[in-house]
Amino acid sequence: MTGGAGEASFWWTELRGSDGAELPPNVRERMAWYEWHKRRQRLGHYLSEALLLLLSASIPACAAAVPPSR
């Protein structure tokens, strides 16, 4: 999600207090930190899942490639 001028825009950036005040800077920084780490962890999860799938698929392929012994 991107906002204007290349700045990331998330749903929580639009949150306001009951008096219309913006979120405190430390809350905005923490939420940005979580958003960045969320993307990084998701990518790591997808990569590990793909690696596990390839490794699991290689086991039967290796077993089929070895000639049977008598």
C-alpha atoms as a PDB file:
ATOM      1  CA  MET A   1       0.000   0.000   0.000  1.00  0.00           C
ATOM      2  CA  THR A   2       1.464   3.294  -0.955  1.00  0.00           C
ATOM      3  CA  GLY A   3       0.205   6.744  -0.312  1.00  0.00           C
ATOM      4  CA  GLY A   4       1.107   9.965  -2.010  1.00  0.00           C
ATOM      5  CA  ALA A   5       4.711  10.905  -2.789  1.00  0.00           C
ATOM      6  CA  GLY A   6       5.938   7.312  -2.387  1.00  0.00           C
ATOM      7  CA  GLU A   7       5.073   7.171   1.305  1.00  0.00           C
ATOM      8  CA  ALA A   8       3.581   3.946   2.673  1.00  0.00           C
ATOM      9  CA  SER A   9       0.000   4.307   3.838  1.00  0.00           C
ATOM     10  CA  PHE A  10      -1.657   1.784   6.117  1.00  0.00           C
ATOM     11  CA  TRP A  11      -5.076   1.731   7.754  1.00  0.00           C
ATOM     12  CA  TRP A  12      -3.652   2.689  11.134  1.00  0.00           C
ATOM     13  CA  THR A  13      -2.189   5.946   9.775  1.00  0.00           C
ATOM     14  CA  GLU A  14      -5.751   7.282   9.523  1.00  0.00           C
ATOM     15  CA  LEU A  15      -6.613   6.547  13.164  1.00  0.00           C
ATOM     16  CA  ARG A  16      -7.515   9.533  15.319  1.00  0.00           C
ATOM     17  CA  GLY A  17      -8.375   9.982  18.951  1.00  0.00           C
ATOM     18  CA  SER A  18     -11.844  10.984  20.123  1.00  0.00           C
ATOM     19  CA  ASP A  19     -10.759  14.629  19.998  1.00  0.00           C
ATOM     20  CA  GLY A  20      -9.338  14.234  16.458  1.00  0.00           C
ATOM     21  CA  ALA A  21      -5.708  14.116  17.596  1.00  0.00           C
ATOM     22  CA  GLU A  22      -3.211  12.062  15.586  1.00  0.00           C
ATOM     23  CA  LEU A  23      -1.396   9.038  16.931  1.00  0.00           C
ATOM     24  CA  PRO A  24       1.664   9.851  19.042  1.00  0.00           C
ATOM     25  CA  PRO A  25       4.987   9.594  17.131  1.00  0.00           C
ATOM     26  CA  ASN A  26       6.192   6.605  19.164  1.00  0.00           C
ATOM     27  CA  VAL A  27       3.035   4.647  18.260  1.00  0.00           C
ATOM     28  CA  ARG A  28       3.500   5.476  14.561  1.00  0.00           C
ATOM     29  CA  GLU A  29       7.149   4.361  14.743  1.00  0.00           C
ATOM     30  CA  ARG A  30       6.207   1.087  16.446  1.00  0.00           C
ATOM     31  CA  MET A  31       3.485   0.331  13.922  1.00  0.00           C
ATOM     32  CA  ALA A  32       5.888   1.058  11.042  1.00  0.00           C
ATOM     33  CA  TRP A  33       8.436  -1.275  12.657  1.00  0.00           C
ATOM     34  CA  TYR A  34       5.827  -4.061  12.897  1.00  0.00           C
ATOM     35  CA  GLU A  35       4.738  -3.527   9.280  1.00  0.00           C
ATOM     36  CA  TRP A  36       8.336  -3.822   8.032  1.00  0.00           C
ATOM     37  CA  HIS A  37       9.046  -6.920  10.116  1.00  0.00           C
ATOM     38  CA  LYS A  38       5.732  -8.482   9.130  1.00  0.00           C
ATOM     39  CA  ARG A  39       6.718  -8.326   5.461  1.00  0.00           C
ATOM     40  CA  ARG A  40      10.206  -9.653   6.185  1.00  0.00           C
ATOM     41  CA  GLN A  41       8.924 -12.589   8.238  1.00  0.00           C
ATOM     42  CA  ARG A  42       6.292 -13.432   5.626  1.00  0.00           C
ATOM     43  CA  LEU A  43       8.964 -13.561   2.925  1.00  0.00           C
ATOM     44  CA  GLY A  44      11.127 -15.790   5.121  1.00  0.00           C
ATOM     45  CA  HIS A  45       8.167 -18.083   5.730  1.00  0.00           C
ATOM     46  CA  TYR A  46       7.402 -18.375   2.005  1.00  0.00           C
ATOM     47  CA  LEU A  47      11.039 -19.102   1.203  1.00  0.00           C
ATOM     48  CA  SER A  48      11.303 -21.777   3.898  1.00  0.00           C
ATOM     49  CA  GLU A  49       8.053 -23.383   2.686  1.00  0.00           C
ATOM     50  CA  ALA A  50       9.360 -23.473  -0.895  1.00  0.00           C
ATOM     51  CA  LEU A  51      12.672 -24.947   0.248  1.00  0.00           C
ATOM     52  CA  LEU A  52      10.883 -27.594   2.308  1.00  0.00           C
ATOM     53  CA  LEU A  53       8.650 -28.487  -0.637  1.00  0.00           C
ATOM     54  CA  LEU A  54      11.642 -28.852  -2.988  1.00  0.00           C
ATOM     55  CA  LEU A  55      13.555 -30.906  -0.452  1.00  0.00           C
ATOM     56  CA  SER A  56      10.562 -33.177   0.155  1.00  0.00           C
ATOM     57  CA  ALA A  57      10.046 -33.657  -3.579  1.00  0.00           C
ATOM     58  CA  SER A  58      13.709 -34.541  -4.085  1.00  0.00           C
ATOM     59  CA  ILE A  59      13.536 -37.575  -1.775  1.00  0.00           C
ATOM     60  CA  PRO A  60      11.412 -39.769  -4.085  1.00  0.00           C
ATOM     61  CA  ALA A  61      13.344 -38.476  -7.103  1.00  0.00           C
ATOM     62  CA  CYS A  62      16.659 -39.528  -5.558  1.00  0.00           C
ATOM     63  CA  ALA A  63      15.228 -42.889  -4.526  1.00  0.00           C
ATOM     64  CA  ALA A  64      14.019 -43.510  -8.086  1.00  0.00           C
ATOM     65  CA  ALA A  65      17.380 -42.504  -9.580  1.00  0.00           C
ATOM     66  CA  VAL A  66      19.350 -45.106  -7.612  1.00  0.00           C
ATOM     67  CA  PRO A  67      19.381 -48.538  -9.286  1.00  0.00           C
ATOM     68  CA  PRO A  68      17.940 -51.300  -7.112  1.00  0.00           C
ATOM     69  CA  SER A  69      20.446 -53.600  -5.479  1.00  0.00           C
ATOM     70  CA  ARG A  70      20.116 -57.379  -5.466  1.00  0.00           C
END
